[in-house]
């Protein structure tokens, strides 16, 4: 369970770091993908 939580947190951080420089995607885009 802890491993799954860490994996989820890592994916969220990775998605944020990937979307930040793009700037073109609205916040809803990441929410839909997740």
PDB file of N, CA and C in Angstrom:
ATOM      1  N   UNK A   1       0.841  -1.195   0.000  1.00  0.00           N
ATOM      2  CA  UNK A   1       0.000   0.000   0.000  1.00  0.00           C
ATOM      3  C   UNK A   1       0.881   1.251   0.000  1.00  0.00           C
ATOM      4  N   UNK A   2       1.903   1.227   0.850  1.00  0.00           N
ATOM      5  CA  UNK A   2       2.810   2.374   0.889  1.00  0.00           C
ATOM      6  C   UNK A   2       3.521   2.523  -0.451  1.00  0.00           C
ATOM      7  N   UNK A   3       3.898   1.390  -1.029  1.00  0.00           N
ATOM      8  CA  UNK A   3       4.582   1.432  -2.319  1.00  0.00           C
ATOM      9  C   UNK A   3       3.665   2.031  -3.379  1.00  0.00           C
ATOM     10  N   UNK A   4       2.384   1.670  -3.342  1.00  0.00           N
ATOM     11  CA  UNK A   4       1.435   2.205  -4.317  1.00  0.00           C
ATOM     12  C   UNK A   4       1.268   3.708  -4.127  1.00  0.00           C
ATOM     13  N   UNK A   5       1.243   4.151  -2.865  1.00  0.00           N
ATOM     14  CA  UNK A   5       1.102   5.580  -2.578  1.00  0.00           C
ATOM     15  C   UNK A   5       2.310   6.350  -3.104  1.00  0.00           C
ATOM     16  N   UNK A   6       3.488   5.796  -2.893  1.00  0.00           N
ATOM     17  CA  UNK A   6       4.702   6.452  -3.374  1.00  0.00           C
ATOM     18  C   UNK A   6       4.708   6.494  -4.898  1.00  0.00           C
ATOM     19  N   UNK A   7       4.255   5.434  -5.523  1.00  0.00           N
ATOM     20  CA  UNK A   7       4.213   5.397  -6.979  1.00  0.00           C
ATOM     21  C   UNK A   7       3.248   6.451  -7.508  1.00  0.00           C
ATOM     22  N   UNK A   8       2.071   6.554  -6.871  1.00  0.00           N
ATOM     23  CA  UNK A   8       1.084   7.554  -7.286  1.00  0.00           C
ATOM     24  C   UNK A   8       1.648   8.959  -7.118  1.00  0.00           C
ATOM     25  N   UNK A   9       2.291   9.206  -5.980  1.00  0.00           N
ATOM     26  CA  UNK A   9       2.880  10.530  -5.736  1.00  0.00           C
ATOM     27  C   UNK A   9       3.948  10.833  -6.786  1.00  0.00           C
ATOM     28  N   UNK A  10       4.748   9.840  -7.126  1.00  0.00           N
ATOM     29  CA  UNK A  10       5.788  10.025  -8.131  1.00  0.00           C
ATOM     30  C   UNK A  10       5.193  10.354  -9.495  1.00  0.00           C
ATOM     31  N   UNK A  11       4.112   9.679  -9.854  1.00  0.00           N
ATOM     32  CA  UNK A  11       3.466   9.944 -11.139  1.00  0.00           C
ATOM     33  C   UNK A  11       2.894  11.355 -11.169  1.00  0.00           C
ATOM     34  N   UNK A  12       2.270  11.779 -10.059  1.00  0.00           N
ATOM     35  CA  UNK A  12       1.692  13.124  -9.997  1.00  0.00           C
ATOM     36  C   UNK A  12       2.795  14.176 -10.113  1.00  0.00           C
ATOM     37  N   UNK A  13       3.897  13.964  -9.400  1.00  0.00           N
ATOM     38  CA  UNK A  13       5.004  14.923  -9.463  1.00  0.00           C
ATOM     39  C   UNK A  13       5.603  14.936 -10.868  1.00  0.00           C
ATOM     40  N   UNK A  14       5.733  13.772 -11.460  1.00  0.00           N
ATOM     41  CA  UNK A  14       6.278  13.687 -12.810  1.00  0.00           C
ATOM     42  C   UNK A  14       5.375  14.391 -13.816  1.00  0.00           C
ATOM     43  N   UNK A  15       4.070  14.213 -13.669  1.00  0.00           N
ATOM     44  CA  UNK A  15       3.116  14.857 -14.575  1.00  0.00           C
ATOM     45  C   UNK A  15       3.187  16.369 -14.409  1.00  0.00           C
ATOM     46  N   UNK A  16       3.295  16.832 -13.169  1.00  0.00           N
ATOM     47  CA  UNK A  16       3.376  18.275 -12.917  1.00  0.00           C
ATOM     48  C   UNK A  16       4.655  18.844 -13.522  1.00  0.00           C
ATOM     49  N   UNK A  17       5.762  18.137 -13.330  1.00  0.00           N
ATOM     50  CA  UNK A  17       7.042  18.610 -13.850  1.00  0.00           C
ATOM     51  C   UNK A  17       7.030  18.603 -15.378  1.00  0.00           C
ATOM     52  N   UNK A  18       6.311  17.660 -15.983  1.00  0.00           N
ATOM     53  CA  UNK A  18       6.248  17.570 -17.441  1.00  0.00           C
ATOM     54  C   UNK A  18       5.321  18.634 -18.021  1.00  0.00           C
ATOM     55  N   UNK A  19       4.226  18.948 -17.304  1.00  0.00           N
ATOM     56  CA  UNK A  19       3.239  19.895 -17.813  1.00  0.00           C
ATOM     57  C   UNK A  19       3.671  21.339 -17.575  1.00  0.00           C
ATOM     58  N   UNK A  20       4.497  21.574 -16.562  1.00  0.00           N
ATOM     59  CA  UNK A  20       4.894  22.944 -16.231  1.00  0.00           C
ATOM     60  C   UNK A  20       5.575  23.651 -17.414  1.00  0.00           C
ATOM     61  N   UNK A  21       6.614  23.070 -18.031  1.00  0.00           N
ATOM     62  CA  UNK A  21       7.276  23.755 -19.144  1.00  0.00           C
ATOM     63  C   UNK A  21       6.396  23.840 -20.389  1.00  0.00           C
ATOM     64  N   UNK A  22       5.461  22.906 -20.551  1.00  0.00           N
ATOM     65  CA  UNK A  22       4.591  22.927 -21.727  1.00  0.00           C
ATOM     66  C   UNK A  22       3.719  24.180 -21.686  1.00  0.00           C
ATOM     67  N   UNK A  23       2.971  24.358 -20.593  1.00  0.00           N
ATOM     68  CA  UNK A  23       2.189  25.568 -20.411  1.00  0.00           C
ATOM     69  C   UNK A  23       0.961  25.646 -21.305  1.00  0.00           C
ATOM     70  N   UNK A  24       0.889  24.837 -22.355  1.00  0.00           N
ATOM     71  CA  UNK A  24      -0.246  24.914 -23.276  1.00  0.00           C
ATOM     72  C   UNK A  24      -1.432  24.090 -22.790  1.00  0.00           C
ATOM     73  N   UNK A  25      -1.140  23.055 -21.984  1.00  0.00           N
ATOM     74  CA  UNK A  25      -2.218  22.183 -21.534  1.00  0.00           C
ATOM     75  C   UNK A  25      -2.956  22.793 -20.356  1.00  0.00           C
ATOM     76  N   UNK A  26      -4.288  22.796 -20.399  1.00  0.00           N
ATOM     77  CA  UNK A  26      -5.069  23.270 -19.257  1.00  0.00           C
ATOM     78  C   UNK A  26      -4.995  22.254 -18.123  1.00  0.00           C
ATOM     79  N   UNK A  27      -5.251  22.667 -16.880  1.00  0.00           N
ATOM     80  CA  UNK A  27      -5.188  21.736 -15.747  1.00  0.00           C
ATOM     81  C   UNK A  27      -6.125  20.544 -15.933  1.00  0.00           C
ATOM     82  N   UNK A  28      -7.226  20.747 -16.647  1.00  0.00           N
ATOM     83  CA  UNK A  28      -8.195  19.667 -16.831  1.00  0.00           C
ATOM     84  C   UNK A  28      -7.609  18.522 -17.658  1.00  0.00           C
ATOM     85  N   UNK A  29      -6.647  18.819 -18.509  1.00  0.00           N
ATOM     86  CA  UNK A  29      -6.067  17.783 -19.365  1.00  0.00           C
ATOM     87  C   UNK A  29      -5.407  16.705 -18.513  1.00  0.00           C
ATOM     88  N   UNK A  30      -4.634  17.126 -17.508  1.00  0.00           N
ATOM     89  CA  UNK A  30      -3.970  16.149 -16.645  1.00  0.00           C
ATOM     90  C   UNK A  30      -4.996  15.385 -15.827  1.00  0.00           C
ATOM     91  N   UNK A  31      -6.050  16.062 -15.382  1.00  0.00           N
ATOM     92  CA  UNK A  31      -7.075  15.408 -14.568  1.00  0.00           C
ATOM     93  C   UNK A  31      -7.766  14.316 -15.394  1.00  0.00           C
ATOM     94  N   UNK A  32      -7.994  14.587 -16.672  1.00  0.00           N
ATOM     95  CA  UNK A  32      -8.661  13.604 -17.523  1.00  0.00           C
ATOM     96  C   UNK A  32      -7.738  12.407 -17.758  1.00  0.00           C
ATOM     97  N   UNK A  33      -6.464  12.666 -17.953  1.00  0.00           N
ATOM     98  CA  UNK A  33      -5.526  11.569 -18.186  1.00  0.00           C
ATOM     99  C   UNK A  33      -5.418  10.689 -16.953  1.00  0.00           C
ATOM    100  N   UNK A  34      -5.344  11.322 -15.786  1.00  0.00           N
ATOM    101  CA  UNK A  34      -5.207  10.551 -14.557  1.00  0.00           C
ATOM    102  C   UNK A  34      -6.456   9.739 -14.323  1.00  0.00           C
TER     103      UNK A  34
END
